[in-house]
Structures are given as structure tokens and as C-alpha cells.
Amino acid sequence: EKVESLNQMFTEVQRDVKSISKSTSSEPKKEQK
């Protein structure tokens, strides 16, 4: 039961990280020359 609950928590964290990375990657990066 503990392993299943931890797996659910980590999958939620992984989804959050993916959504954050998508939102930051969509912004244009300013290249410093």
C-alpha cells in the first residue's frame, strides 16, 4: 500500500515537471551574444 501511494505521488510530480518544462520551453529563450 505504501509503495502504491508513493508511486501515485511520484507520477503526479512527474506530470507537474513535464507541464512546467513545456511551459518554460514554449517561451523564447533569449540568446546572449
PDB file of all heavy atoms in Angstrom:
ATOM      1  N   GLU A   1       0.834  -1.206   0.000  1.00  0.00           N
ATOM      2  CA  GLU A   1       0.000   0.000   0.000  1.00  0.00           C
ATOM      3  C   GLU A   1       0.868   1.255   0.000  1.00  0.00           C
ATOM      4  O   GLU A   1       0.582   2.223  -0.706  1.00  0.00           O
ATOM      5  CB  GLU A   1      -0.924  -0.012   1.220  1.00  0.00           C
ATOM      6  CG  GLU A   1      -2.020  -1.058   1.140  1.00  0.00           C
ATOM      7  CD  GLU A   1      -2.808  -1.170   2.440  1.00  0.00           C
ATOM      8  OE1 GLU A   1      -2.479  -0.448   3.411  1.00  0.00           O
ATOM      9  OE2 GLU A   1      -3.754  -1.975   2.480  1.00  0.00           O
ATOM     10  N   LYS A   2       1.932   1.241   0.790  1.00  0.00           N
ATOM     11  CA  LYS A   2       2.833   2.395   0.833  1.00  0.00           C
ATOM     12  C   LYS A   2       3.502   2.615  -0.526  1.00  0.00           C
ATOM     13  O   LYS A   2       3.634   3.746  -0.988  1.00  0.00           O
ATOM     14  CB  LYS A   2       3.900   2.198   1.907  1.00  0.00           C
ATOM     15  CG  LYS A   2       3.382   2.345   3.310  1.00  0.00           C
ATOM     16  CD  LYS A   2       4.495   2.152   4.318  1.00  0.00           C
ATOM     17  CE  LYS A   2       3.977   2.225   5.734  1.00  0.00           C
ATOM     18  NZ  LYS A   2       5.058   2.019   6.723  1.00  0.00           N
ATOM     19  N   VAL A   3       3.916   1.524  -1.164  1.00  0.00           N
ATOM     20  CA  VAL A   3       4.577   1.632  -2.467  1.00  0.00           C
ATOM     21  C   VAL A   3       3.611   2.198  -3.495  1.00  0.00           C
ATOM     22  O   VAL A   3       3.982   3.058  -4.310  1.00  0.00           O
ATOM     23  CB  VAL A   3       5.120   0.246  -2.899  1.00  0.00           C
ATOM     24  CG1 VAL A   3       5.532   0.251  -4.351  1.00  0.00           C
ATOM     25  CG2 VAL A   3       6.285  -0.156  -2.017  1.00  0.00           C
ATOM     26  N   GLU A   4       2.369   1.750  -3.472  1.00  0.00           N
ATOM     27  CA  GLU A   4       1.381   2.264  -4.421  1.00  0.00           C
ATOM     28  C   GLU A   4       1.127   3.749  -4.212  1.00  0.00           C
ATOM     29  O   GLU A   4       1.038   4.516  -5.174  1.00  0.00           O
ATOM     30  CB  GLU A   4       0.080   1.477  -4.291  1.00  0.00           C
ATOM     31  CG  GLU A   4       0.162   0.068  -4.838  1.00  0.00           C
ATOM     32  CD  GLU A   4      -1.116  -0.724  -4.608  1.00  0.00           C
ATOM     33  OE1 GLU A   4      -2.121  -0.104  -4.183  1.00  0.00           O
ATOM     34  OE2 GLU A   4      -1.112  -1.932  -4.855  1.00  0.00           O
ATOM     35  N   SER A   5       1.033   4.178  -2.946  1.00  0.00           N
ATOM     36  CA  SER A   5       0.801   5.599  -2.689  1.00  0.00           C
ATOM     37  C   SER A   5       1.997   6.436  -3.132  1.00  0.00           C
ATOM     38  O   SER A   5       1.836   7.522  -3.706  1.00  0.00           O
ATOM     39  CB  SER A   5       0.497   5.825  -1.209  1.00  0.00           C
ATOM     40  OG  SER A   5       1.635   5.536  -0.419  1.00  0.00           O
ATOM     41  N   LEU A   6       3.209   5.935  -2.898  1.00  0.00           N
ATOM     42  CA  LEU A   6       4.400   6.664  -3.346  1.00  0.00           C
ATOM     43  C   LEU A   6       4.468   6.734  -4.863  1.00  0.00           C
ATOM     44  O   LEU A   6       4.858   7.763  -5.426  1.00  0.00           O
ATOM     45  CB  LEU A   6       5.664   6.003  -2.795  1.00  0.00           C
ATOM     46  CG  LEU A   6       5.938   6.223  -1.309  1.00  0.00           C
ATOM     47  CD1 LEU A   6       7.120   5.386  -0.867  1.00  0.00           C
ATOM     48  CD2 LEU A   6       6.183   7.682  -1.013  1.00  0.00           C
ATOM     49  N   ASN A   7       4.087   5.661  -5.528  1.00  0.00           N
ATOM     50  CA  ASN A   7       4.073   5.660  -6.991  1.00  0.00           C
ATOM     51  C   ASN A   7       3.107   6.711  -7.526  1.00  0.00           C
ATOM     52  O   ASN A   7       3.407   7.425  -8.487  1.00  0.00           O
ATOM     53  CB  ASN A   7       3.700   4.285  -7.530  1.00  0.00           C
ATOM     54  CG  ASN A   7       4.870   3.323  -7.498  1.00  0.00           C
ATOM     55  OD1 ASN A   7       6.013   3.733  -7.407  1.00  0.00           O
ATOM     56  ND2 ASN A   7       4.559   2.048  -7.558  1.00  0.00           N
ATOM     57  N   GLN A   8       1.953   6.821  -6.898  1.00  0.00           N
ATOM     58  CA  GLN A   8       0.984   7.826  -7.323  1.00  0.00           C
ATOM     59  C   GLN A   8       1.532   9.237  -7.113  1.00  0.00           C
ATOM     60  O   GLN A   8       1.395  10.115  -7.977  1.00  0.00           O
ATOM     61  CB  GLN A   8      -0.324   7.660  -6.559  1.00  0.00           C
ATOM     62  CG  GLN A   8      -1.108   6.431  -6.959  1.00  0.00           C
ATOM     63  CD  GLN A   8      -2.350   6.245  -6.111  1.00  0.00           C
ATOM     64  OE1 GLN A   8      -2.562   6.957  -5.140  1.00  0.00           O
ATOM     65  NE2 GLN A   8      -3.176   5.268  -6.486  1.00  0.00           N
ATOM     66  N   MET A   9       2.196   9.454  -5.963  1.00  0.00           N
ATOM     67  CA  MET A   9       2.769  10.773  -5.698  1.00  0.00           C
ATOM     68  C   MET A   9       3.842  11.119  -6.728  1.00  0.00           C
ATOM     69  O   MET A   9       3.901  12.249  -7.229  1.00  0.00           O
ATOM     70  CB  MET A   9       3.347  10.810  -4.284  1.00  0.00           C
ATOM     71  CG  MET A   9       2.296  10.769  -3.189  1.00  0.00           C
ATOM     72  SD  MET A   9       2.970  10.568  -1.544  1.00  0.00           S
ATOM     73  CE  MET A   9       4.084  11.955  -1.422  1.00  0.00           C
ATOM     74  N   PHE A  10       4.695  10.155  -7.047  1.00  0.00           N
ATOM     75  CA  PHE A  10       5.771  10.424  -7.997  1.00  0.00           C
ATOM     76  C   PHE A  10       5.240  10.642  -9.412  1.00  0.00           C
ATOM     77  O   PHE A  10       5.792  11.459 -10.154  1.00  0.00           O
ATOM     78  CB  PHE A  10       6.802   9.302  -7.980  1.00  0.00           C
ATOM     79  CG  PHE A  10       7.733   9.363  -6.802  1.00  0.00           C
ATOM     80  CD1 PHE A  10       7.912   8.253  -6.004  1.00  0.00           C
ATOM     81  CD2 PHE A  10       8.420  10.518  -6.502  1.00  0.00           C
ATOM     82  CE1 PHE A  10       8.767   8.299  -4.917  1.00  0.00           C
ATOM     83  CE2 PHE A  10       9.270  10.580  -5.419  1.00  0.00           C
ATOM     84  CZ  PHE A  10       9.447   9.467  -4.624  1.00  0.00           C
ATOM     85  N   THR A  11       4.190   9.945  -9.776  1.00  0.00           N
ATOM     86  CA  THR A  11       3.620  10.181 -11.105  1.00  0.00           C
ATOM     87  C   THR A  11       3.016  11.579 -11.180  1.00  0.00           C
ATOM     88  O   THR A  11       3.125  12.252 -12.213  1.00  0.00           O
ATOM     89  CB  THR A  11       2.549   9.132 -11.444  1.00  0.00           C
ATOM     90  OG1 THR A  11       1.590   9.074 -10.387  1.00  0.00           O
ATOM     91  CG2 THR A  11       3.162   7.768 -11.664  1.00  0.00           C
ATOM     92  N   GLU A  12       2.401  12.048 -10.085  1.00  0.00           N
ATOM     93  CA  GLU A  12       1.880  13.415 -10.065  1.00  0.00           C
ATOM     94  C   GLU A  12       3.011  14.428 -10.188  1.00  0.00           C
ATOM     95  O   GLU A  12       2.905  15.413 -10.929  1.00  0.00           O
ATOM     96  CB  GLU A  12       1.091  13.646  -8.782  1.00  0.00           C
ATOM     97  CG  GLU A  12      -0.226  12.893  -8.724  1.00  0.00           C
ATOM     98  CD  GLU A  12      -0.918  13.057  -7.385  1.00  0.00           C
ATOM     99  OE1 GLU A  12      -0.425  13.827  -6.542  1.00  0.00           O
ATOM    100  OE2 GLU A  12      -1.956  12.411  -7.189  1.00  0.00           O
ATOM    101  N   VAL A  13       4.095  14.188  -9.464  1.00  0.00           N
ATOM    102  CA  VAL A  13       5.242  15.096  -9.533  1.00  0.00           C
ATOM    103  C   VAL A  13       5.822  15.091 -10.941  1.00  0.00           C
ATOM    104  O   VAL A  13       6.185  16.148 -11.485  1.00  0.00           O
ATOM    105  CB  VAL A  13       6.307  14.686  -8.487  1.00  0.00           C
ATOM    106  CG1 VAL A  13       7.612  15.426  -8.720  1.00  0.00           C
ATOM    107  CG2 VAL A  13       5.793  14.934  -7.089  1.00  0.00           C
ATOM    108  N   GLN A  14       5.885  13.922 -11.551  1.00  0.00           N
ATOM    109  CA  GLN A  14       6.420  13.825 -12.910  1.00  0.00           C
ATOM    110  C   GLN A  14       5.546  14.595 -13.892  1.00  0.00           C
ATOM    111  O   GLN A  14       6.049  15.287 -14.783  1.00  0.00           O
ATOM    112  CB  GLN A  14       6.519  12.356 -13.312  1.00  0.00           C
ATOM    113  CG  GLN A  14       7.312  12.114 -14.561  1.00  0.00           C
ATOM    114  CD  GLN A  14       7.453  10.632 -14.854  1.00  0.00           C
ATOM    115  OE1 GLN A  14       6.693   9.819 -14.330  1.00  0.00           O
ATOM    116  NE2 GLN A  14       8.419  10.274 -15.669  1.00  0.00           N
ATOM    117  N   ARG A  15       4.237  14.490 -13.733  1.00  0.00           N
ATOM    118  CA  ARG A  15       3.328  15.258 -14.598  1.00  0.00           C
ATOM    119  C   ARG A  15       3.532  16.759 -14.406  1.00  0.00           C
ATOM    120  O   ARG A  15       3.546  17.527 -15.374  1.00  0.00           O
ATOM    121  CB  ARG A  15       1.882  14.897 -14.279  1.00  0.00           C
ATOM    122  CG  ARG A  15       1.472  13.535 -14.755  1.00  0.00           C
ATOM    123  CD  ARG A  15       0.040  13.250 -14.388  1.00  0.00           C
ATOM    124  NE  ARG A  15      -0.237  11.814 -14.470  1.00  0.00           N
ATOM    125  CZ  ARG A  15      -1.192  11.195 -13.809  1.00  0.00           C
ATOM    126  NH1 ARG A  15      -1.983  11.865 -13.006  1.00  0.00           N
ATOM    127  NH2 ARG A  15      -1.373   9.904 -13.938  1.00  0.00           N
ATOM    128  N   ASP A  16       3.690  17.182 -13.150  1.00  0.00           N
ATOM    129  CA  ASP A  16       3.908  18.598 -12.876  1.00  0.00           C
ATOM    130  C   ASP A  16       5.203  19.083 -13.523  1.00  0.00           C
ATOM    131  O   ASP A  16       5.245  20.169 -14.114  1.00  0.00           O
ATOM    132  CB  ASP A  16       3.948  18.851 -11.369  1.00  0.00           C
ATOM    133  CG  ASP A  16       2.606  18.620 -10.699  1.00  0.00           C
ATOM    134  OD1 ASP A  16       1.574  18.609 -11.415  1.00  0.00           O
ATOM    135  OD2 ASP A  16       2.580  18.457  -9.463  1.00  0.00           O
ATOM    136  N   VAL A  17       6.237  18.287 -13.423  1.00  0.00           N
ATOM    137  CA  VAL A  17       7.524  18.671 -14.005  1.00  0.00           C
ATOM    138  C   VAL A  17       7.412  18.769 -15.523  1.00  0.00           C
ATOM    139  O   VAL A  17       7.946  19.703 -16.139  1.00  0.00           O
ATOM    140  CB  VAL A  17       8.623  17.668 -13.583  1.00  0.00           C
ATOM    141  CG1 VAL A  17       9.890  17.860 -14.396  1.00  0.00           C
ATOM    142  CG2 VAL A  17       8.919  17.805 -12.107  1.00  0.00           C
ATOM    143  N   LYS A  18       6.708  17.816 -16.122  1.00  0.00           N
ATOM    144  CA  LYS A  18       6.528  17.864 -17.574  1.00  0.00           C
ATOM    145  C   LYS A  18       5.746  19.097 -17.990  1.00  0.00           C
ATOM    146  O   LYS A  18       6.083  19.760 -18.975  1.00  0.00           O
ATOM    147  CB  LYS A  18       5.804  16.606 -18.060  1.00  0.00           C
ATOM    148  CG  LYS A  18       6.673  15.383 -18.122  1.00  0.00           C
ATOM    149  CD  LYS A  18       5.912  14.198 -18.683  1.00  0.00           C
ATOM    150  CE  LYS A  18       6.774  12.962 -18.747  1.00  0.00           C
ATOM    151  NZ  LYS A  18       6.034  11.799 -19.257  1.00  0.00           N
ATOM    152  N   SER A  19       4.703  19.424 -17.241  1.00  0.00           N
ATOM    153  CA  SER A  19       3.905  20.596 -17.602  1.00  0.00           C
ATOM    154  C   SER A  19       4.709  21.878 -17.423  1.00  0.00           C
ATOM    155  O   SER A  19       4.606  22.805 -18.229  1.00  0.00           O
ATOM    156  CB  SER A  19       2.616  20.641 -16.779  1.00  0.00           C
ATOM    157  OG  SER A  19       2.923  20.833 -15.407  1.00  0.00           O
ATOM    158  N   ILE A  20       5.523  21.936 -16.376  1.00  0.00           N
ATOM    159  CA  ILE A  20       6.359  23.120 -16.149  1.00  0.00           C
ATOM    160  C   ILE A  20       7.408  23.235 -17.248  1.00  0.00           C
ATOM    161  O   ILE A  20       7.666  24.325 -17.762  1.00  0.00           O
ATOM    162  CB  ILE A  20       7.019  23.047 -14.755  1.00  0.00           C
ATOM    163  CG1 ILE A  20       5.959  23.236 -13.677  1.00  0.00           C
ATOM    164  CG2 ILE A  20       8.105  24.094 -14.617  1.00  0.00           C
ATOM    165  CD1 ILE A  20       6.474  22.979 -12.275  1.00  0.00           C
ATOM    166  N   SER A  21       8.008  22.109 -17.629  1.00  0.00           N
ATOM    167  CA  SER A  21       9.036  22.163 -18.670  1.00  0.00           C
ATOM    168  C   SER A  21       8.426  22.552 -20.013  1.00  0.00           C
ATOM    169  O   SER A  21       9.056  23.246 -20.810  1.00  0.00           O
ATOM    170  CB  SER A  21       9.756  20.822 -18.782  1.00  0.00           C
ATOM    171  OG  SER A  21       8.865  19.829 -19.240  1.00  0.00           O
ATOM    172  N   LYS A  22       7.199  22.133 -20.277  1.00  0.00           N
ATOM    173  CA  LYS A  22       6.544  22.536 -21.521  1.00  0.00           C
ATOM    174  C   LYS A  22       6.253  24.025 -21.525  1.00  0.00           C
ATOM    175  O   LYS A  22       6.422  24.698 -22.538  1.00  0.00           O
ATOM    176  CB  LYS A  22       5.240  21.755 -21.710  1.00  0.00           C
ATOM    177  CG  LYS A  22       5.442  20.321 -22.127  1.00  0.00           C
ATOM    178  CD  LYS A  22       4.122  19.621 -22.332  1.00  0.00           C
ATOM    179  CE  LYS A  22       4.324  18.162 -22.714  1.00  0.00           C
ATOM    180  NZ  LYS A  22       3.054  17.442 -22.871  1.00  0.00           N
ATOM    181  N   SER A  23       5.826  24.551 -20.384  1.00  0.00           N
ATOM    182  CA  SER A  23       5.505  25.980 -20.328  1.00  0.00           C
ATOM    183  C   SER A  23       6.759  26.833 -20.452  1.00  0.00           C
ATOM    184  O   SER A  23       6.747  27.883 -21.069  1.00  0.00           O
ATOM    185  CB  SER A  23       4.756  26.308 -19.038  1.00  0.00           C
ATOM    186  OG  SER A  23       5.593  26.107 -17.918  1.00  0.00           O
ATOM    187  N   THR A  24       7.860  26.382 -19.869  1.00  0.00           N
ATOM    188  CA  THR A  24       9.093  27.164 -19.972  1.00  0.00           C
ATOM    189  C   THR A  24       9.733  26.998 -21.346  1.00  0.00           C
ATOM    190  O   THR A  24      10.373  27.914 -21.843  1.00  0.00           O
ATOM    191  CB  THR A  24      10.108  26.743 -18.894  1.00  0.00           C
ATOM    192  OG1 THR A  24      10.367  25.344 -19.013  1.00  0.00           O
ATOM    193  CG2 THR A  24       9.596  27.049 -17.510  1.00  0.00           C
ATOM    194  N   SER A  25       9.588  25.853 -21.974  1.00  0.00           N
ATOM    195  CA  SER A  25      10.199  25.651 -23.285  1.00  0.00           C
ATOM    196  C   SER A  25       9.439  26.406 -24.374  1.00  0.00           C
ATOM    197  O   SER A  25      10.003  26.735 -25.403  1.00  0.00           O
ATOM    198  CB  SER A  25      10.263  24.166 -23.627  1.00  0.00           C
ATOM    199  OG  SER A  25       8.958  23.653 -23.776  1.00  0.00           O
ATOM    200  N   SER A  26       8.166  26.694 -24.153  1.00  0.00           N
ATOM    201  CA  SER A  26       7.402  27.418 -25.164  1.00  0.00           C
ATOM    202  C   SER A  26       7.808  28.897 -25.215  1.00  0.00           C
ATOM    203  O   SER A  26       7.648  29.545 -26.232  1.00  0.00           O
ATOM    204  CB  SER A  26       5.905  27.290 -24.890  1.00  0.00           C
ATOM    205  OG  SER A  26       5.594  27.898 -23.647  1.00  0.00           O
ATOM    206  N   GLU A  27       8.340  29.421 -24.111  1.00  0.00           N
ATOM    207  CA  GLU A  27       8.800  30.812 -24.110  1.00  0.00           C
ATOM    208  C   GLU A  27      10.102  30.883 -24.904  1.00  0.00           C
ATOM    209  O   GLU A  27      10.966  30.019 -24.782  1.00  0.00           O
ATOM    210  CB  GLU A  27       9.052  31.281 -22.676  1.00  0.00           C
ATOM    211  CG  GLU A  27       7.801  31.318 -21.831  1.00  0.00           C
ATOM    212  CD  GLU A  27       8.103  31.669 -20.384  1.00  0.00           C
ATOM    213  OE1 GLU A  27       9.300  31.910 -20.075  1.00  0.00           O
ATOM    214  OE2 GLU A  27       7.170  31.704 -19.593  1.00  0.00           O
ATOM    215  N   PRO A  28      10.264  31.931 -25.721  1.00  0.00           N
ATOM    216  CA  PRO A  28      11.505  32.034 -26.490  1.00  0.00           C
ATOM    217  C   PRO A  28      12.675  32.357 -25.573  1.00  0.00           C
ATOM    218  O   PRO A  28      12.585  33.225 -24.705  1.00  0.00           O
ATOM    219  CB  PRO A  28      11.233  33.173 -27.470  1.00  0.00           C
ATOM    220  CG  PRO A  28      10.156  33.977 -26.839  1.00  0.00           C
ATOM    221  CD  PRO A  28       9.343  33.026 -26.015  1.00  0.00           C
ATOM    222  N   LYS A  29      13.732  31.661 -25.784  1.00  0.00           N
ATOM    223  CA  LYS A  29      14.927  31.896 -24.977  1.00  0.00           C
ATOM    224  C   LYS A  29      15.727  33.020 -25.610  1.00  0.00           C
ATOM    225  O   LYS A  29      15.916  33.066 -26.815  1.00  0.00           O
ATOM    226  CB  LYS A  29      15.788  30.631 -24.900  1.00  0.00           C
ATOM    227  CG  LYS A  29      15.123  29.509 -24.140  1.00  0.00           C
ATOM    228  CD  LYS A  29      16.059  28.316 -24.049  1.00  0.00           C
ATOM    229  CE  LYS A  29      15.410  27.184 -23.277  1.00  0.00           C
ATOM    230  NZ  LYS A  29      16.283  26.012 -23.216  1.00  0.00           N
ATOM    231  N   LYS A  30      16.171  33.889 -24.750  1.00  0.00           N
ATOM    232  CA  LYS A  30      16.992  34.989 -25.230  1.00  0.00           C
ATOM    233  C   LYS A  30      18.442  34.527 -25.247  1.00  0.00           C
ATOM    234  O   LYS A  30      18.990  34.142 -24.227  1.00  0.00           O
ATOM    235  CB  LYS A  30      16.851  36.206 -24.326  1.00  0.00           C
ATOM    236  CG  LYS A  30      15.453  36.779 -24.320  1.00  0.00           C
ATOM    237  CD  LYS A  30      15.364  37.971 -23.420  1.00  0.00           C
ATOM    238  CE  LYS A  30      13.960  38.549 -23.391  1.00  0.00           C
ATOM    239  NZ  LYS A  30      13.857  39.678 -22.475  1.00  0.00           N
ATOM    240  N   GLU A  31      19.007  34.580 -26.421  1.00  0.00           N
ATOM    241  CA  GLU A  31      20.398  34.184 -26.544  1.00  0.00           C
ATOM    242  C   GLU A  31      21.273  35.398 -26.316  1.00  0.00           C
ATOM    243  O   GLU A  31      21.058  36.456 -26.911  1.00  0.00           O
ATOM    244  CB  GLU A  31      20.675  33.591 -27.923  1.00  0.00           C
ATOM    245  CG  GLU A  31      19.924  32.308 -28.187  1.00  0.00           C
ATOM    246  CD  GLU A  31      20.258  31.734 -29.544  1.00  0.00           C
ATOM    247  OE1 GLU A  31      21.258  32.164 -30.142  1.00  0.00           O
ATOM    248  OE2 GLU A  31      19.509  30.863 -29.990  1.00  0.00           O
ATOM    249  N   GLN A  32      22.197  35.213 -25.430  1.00  0.00           N
ATOM    250  CA  GLN A  32      23.106  36.313 -25.152  1.00  0.00           C
ATOM    251  C   GLN A  32      24.332  36.137 -26.032  1.00  0.00           C
ATOM    252  O   GLN A  32      25.014  35.124 -25.977  1.00  0.00           O
ATOM    253  CB  GLN A  32      23.519  36.300 -23.683  1.00  0.00           C
ATOM    254  CG  GLN A  32      22.363  36.539 -22.741  1.00  0.00           C
ATOM    255  CD  GLN A  32      22.814  36.468 -21.289  1.00  0.00           C
ATOM    256  OE1 GLN A  32      23.940  36.125 -20.998  1.00  0.00           O
ATOM    257  NE2 GLN A  32      21.909  36.822 -20.395  1.00  0.00           N
ATOM    258  N   LYS A  33      24.557  37.133 -26.851  1.00  0.00           N
ATOM    259  CA  LYS A  33      25.719  37.087 -27.723  1.00  0.00           C
ATOM    260  C   LYS A  33      26.876  37.782 -27.027  1.00  0.00           C
ATOM    261  O   LYS A  33      26.741  38.898 -26.544  1.00  0.00           O
ATOM    262  CB  LYS A  33      25.431  37.773 -29.048  1.00  0.00           C
ATOM    263  CG  LYS A  33      24.395  37.044 -29.869  1.00  0.00           C
ATOM    264  CD  LYS A  33      24.200  37.709 -31.205  1.00  0.00           C
ATOM    265  CE  LYS A  33      23.175  36.958 -32.031  1.00  0.00           C
ATOM    266  NZ  LYS A  33      22.959  37.605 -33.334  1.00  0.00           N
TER     267      LYS A  33
END
